[in-house]
């Protein structure tokens, strides 16, 4: 009987020892530094940075187009100067209407 009891005890110790080892390994893989959770967070951060880069690249394209027009299109330059800075031509009068 003691032989059977010892065998069952050793068998249970092996099973639960292996289970404890697997749980510890899983915990380390998931929650340690550079684990799965950190990896997921980094992937999300990379996605956000990529989206920001795409937005900035689009803005750069628009701004380069505006620079090109300002350098080569006199009408556009005049329109921007009038609207943004309030420039007027010689002989024009400005009427201010207060609300």
C-alpha atoms as a PDB file:
ATOM      1  CA  UNK A   1       0.000   0.000   0.000  1.00  0.00           C
ATOM      2  CA  UNK A   2       2.791   2.422   0.791  1.00  0.00           C
ATOM      3  CA  UNK A   3       4.382   1.702  -2.548  1.00  0.00           C
ATOM      4  CA  UNK A   4       1.131   2.610  -4.320  1.00  0.00           C
ATOM      5  CA  UNK A   5       0.719   5.676  -2.112  1.00  0.00           C
ATOM      6  CA  UNK A   6       4.285   6.811  -2.892  1.00  0.00           C
ATOM      7  CA  UNK A   7       3.689   6.266  -6.611  1.00  0.00           C
ATOM      8  CA  UNK A   8       0.465   8.323  -6.528  1.00  0.00           C
ATOM      9  CA  UNK A   9       2.179  11.048  -4.528  1.00  0.00           C
ATOM     10  CA  UNK A  10       5.090  11.241  -6.976  1.00  0.00           C
ATOM     11  CA  UNK A  11       2.705  11.202  -9.940  1.00  0.00           C
ATOM     12  CA  UNK A  12       0.651  14.033  -8.460  1.00  0.00           C
ATOM     13  CA  UNK A  13       3.829  15.979  -7.647  1.00  0.00           C
ATOM     14  CA  UNK A  14       4.983  15.628 -11.258  1.00  0.00           C
ATOM     15  CA  UNK A  15       1.635  16.736 -12.654  1.00  0.00           C
ATOM     16  CA  UNK A  16       1.217  19.700 -10.310  1.00  0.00           C
ATOM     17  CA  UNK A  17       4.893  20.614 -10.602  1.00  0.00           C
ATOM     18  CA  UNK A  18       4.580  20.693 -14.376  1.00  0.00           C
ATOM     19  CA  UNK A  19       1.369  22.691 -14.092  1.00  0.00           C
ATOM     20  CA  UNK A  20       3.030  25.191 -11.725  1.00  0.00           C
ATOM     21  CA  UNK A  21       5.984  25.477 -14.105  1.00  0.00           C
ATOM     22  CA  UNK A  22       3.693  26.117 -17.070  1.00  0.00           C
ATOM     23  CA  UNK A  23       1.729  28.749 -15.141  1.00  0.00           C
ATOM     24  CA  UNK A  24       4.963  30.485 -14.090  1.00  0.00           C
ATOM     25  CA  UNK A  25       6.251  30.390 -17.675  1.00  0.00           C
ATOM     26  CA  UNK A  26       2.992  31.792 -19.000  1.00  0.00           C
ATOM     27  CA  UNK A  27       3.082  34.565 -16.402  1.00  0.00           C
ATOM     28  CA  UNK A  28       6.648  35.488 -17.387  1.00  0.00           C
ATOM     29  CA  UNK A  29       5.814  35.475 -21.099  1.00  0.00           C
ATOM     30  CA  UNK A  30       2.748  37.676 -20.640  1.00  0.00           C
ATOM     31  CA  UNK A  31       3.682  40.111 -17.893  1.00  0.00           C
ATOM     32  CA  UNK A  32       7.458  40.465 -17.926  1.00  0.00           C
ATOM     33  CA  UNK A  33       9.301  43.343 -19.529  1.00  0.00           C
ATOM     34  CA  UNK A  34       9.193  42.844 -23.314  1.00  0.00           C
ATOM     35  CA  UNK A  35       6.426  40.282 -22.841  1.00  0.00           C
ATOM     36  CA  UNK A  36       3.282  39.825 -24.879  1.00  0.00           C
ATOM     37  CA  UNK A  37       1.462  42.740 -23.232  1.00  0.00           C
ATOM     38  CA  UNK A  38       4.343  45.130 -23.956  1.00  0.00           C
ATOM     39  CA  UNK A  39       4.435  43.815 -27.519  1.00  0.00           C
ATOM     40  CA  UNK A  40       0.732  44.564 -27.997  1.00  0.00           C
ATOM     41  CA  UNK A  41       1.169  48.067 -26.562  1.00  0.00           C
ATOM     42  CA  UNK A  42       4.106  48.705 -28.891  1.00  0.00           C
ATOM     43  CA  UNK A  43       2.111  47.531 -31.914  1.00  0.00           C
ATOM     44  CA  UNK A  44      -0.668  49.984 -31.008  1.00  0.00           C
ATOM     45  CA  UNK A  45       1.868  52.784 -30.554  1.00  0.00           C
ATOM     46  CA  UNK A  46       3.428  51.998 -33.933  1.00  0.00           C
ATOM     47  CA  UNK A  47      -0.026  52.189 -35.539  1.00  0.00           C
ATOM     48  CA  UNK A  48      -0.649  55.594 -33.965  1.00  0.00           C
ATOM     49  CA  UNK A  49       2.750  56.895 -35.084  1.00  0.00           C
ATOM     50  CA  UNK A  50       2.178  55.598 -38.624  1.00  0.00           C
ATOM     51  CA  UNK A  51      -1.168  57.401 -38.757  1.00  0.00           C
ATOM     52  CA  UNK A  52       0.502  60.594 -37.556  1.00  0.00           C
ATOM     53  CA  UNK A  53       3.212  60.247 -40.193  1.00  0.00           C
ATOM     54  CA  UNK A  54       0.607  59.822 -42.936  1.00  0.00           C
ATOM     55  CA  UNK A  55      -1.260  62.916 -41.751  1.00  0.00           C
ATOM     56  CA  UNK A  56       1.923  64.989 -41.677  1.00  0.00           C
ATOM     57  CA  UNK A  57       2.951  63.775 -45.127  1.00  0.00           C
ATOM     58  CA  UNK A  58      -0.430  64.858 -46.502  1.00  0.00           C
ATOM     59  CA  UNK A  59      -0.049  68.269 -44.868  1.00  0.00           C
ATOM     60  CA  UNK A  60       3.434  68.600 -46.368  1.00  0.00           C
ATOM     61  CA  UNK A  61       2.081  67.915 -49.845  1.00  0.00           C
ATOM     62  CA  UNK A  62      -0.583  70.615 -49.402  1.00  0.00           C
ATOM     63  CA  UNK A  63       1.946  73.109 -48.026  1.00  0.00           C
ATOM     64  CA  UNK A  64       4.418  72.422 -50.853  1.00  0.00           C
ATOM     65  CA  UNK A  65       1.620  73.117 -53.321  1.00  0.00           C
ATOM     66  CA  UNK A  66       0.839  76.404 -51.595  1.00  0.00           C
ATOM     67  CA  UNK A  67       4.514  77.394 -51.620  1.00  0.00           C
ATOM     68  CA  UNK A  68       4.734  76.585 -55.308  1.00  0.00           C
ATOM     69  CA  UNK A  69       1.663  78.722 -56.052  1.00  0.00           C
ATOM     70  CA  UNK A  70       2.955  81.613 -53.931  1.00  0.00           C
ATOM     71  CA  UNK A  71       6.262  81.561 -55.802  1.00  0.00           C
ATOM     72  CA  UNK A  72       4.814  81.347 -59.333  1.00  0.00           C
ATOM     73  CA  UNK A  73       1.196  82.601 -59.298  1.00  0.00           C
ATOM     74  CA  UNK A  74       0.988  86.366 -58.786  1.00  0.00           C
ATOM     75  CA  UNK A  75      -2.806  86.375 -58.533  1.00  0.00           C
ATOM     76  CA  UNK A  76      -2.746  83.789 -55.781  1.00  0.00           C
ATOM     77  CA  UNK A  77      -0.046  85.738 -53.957  1.00  0.00           C
ATOM     78  CA  UNK A  78      -2.135  88.919 -54.177  1.00  0.00           C
ATOM     79  CA  UNK A  79      -5.247  87.097 -52.992  1.00  0.00           C
ATOM     80  CA  UNK A  80      -3.415  85.702 -49.958  1.00  0.00           C
ATOM     81  CA  UNK A  81      -1.888  89.111 -49.175  1.00  0.00           C
ATOM     82  CA  UNK A  82      -5.314  90.770 -49.356  1.00  0.00           C
ATOM     83  CA  UNK A  83      -7.141  88.188 -47.249  1.00  0.00           C
ATOM     84  CA  UNK A  84      -4.506  87.345 -44.696  1.00  0.00           C
ATOM     85  CA  UNK A  85      -2.754  90.669 -44.234  1.00  0.00           C
ATOM     86  CA  UNK A  86      -5.385  93.183 -45.371  1.00  0.00           C
ATOM     87  CA  UNK A  87      -3.300  94.620 -48.207  1.00  0.00           C
ATOM     88  CA  UNK A  88      -4.986  96.962 -50.666  1.00  0.00           C
ATOM     89  CA  UNK A  89      -4.041  98.366 -54.047  1.00  0.00           C
ATOM     90  CA  UNK A  90      -3.182 101.972 -54.641  1.00  0.00           C
ATOM     91  CA  UNK A  91      -6.315 104.040 -54.913  1.00  0.00           C
ATOM     92  CA  UNK A  92      -8.564 101.530 -53.169  1.00  0.00           C
ATOM     93  CA  UNK A  93     -10.500 102.553 -50.111  1.00  0.00           C
ATOM     94  CA  UNK A  94     -11.220 100.346 -47.145  1.00  0.00           C
ATOM     95  CA  UNK A  95     -14.549 100.542 -45.398  1.00  0.00           C
ATOM     96  CA  UNK A  96     -14.803  98.991 -41.976  1.00  0.00           C
ATOM     97  CA  UNK A  97     -18.203  97.915 -40.808  1.00  0.00           C
ATOM     98  CA  UNK A  98     -18.569  97.351 -37.085  1.00  0.00           C
ATOM     99  CA  UNK A  99     -21.229  95.040 -35.786  1.00  0.00           C
END
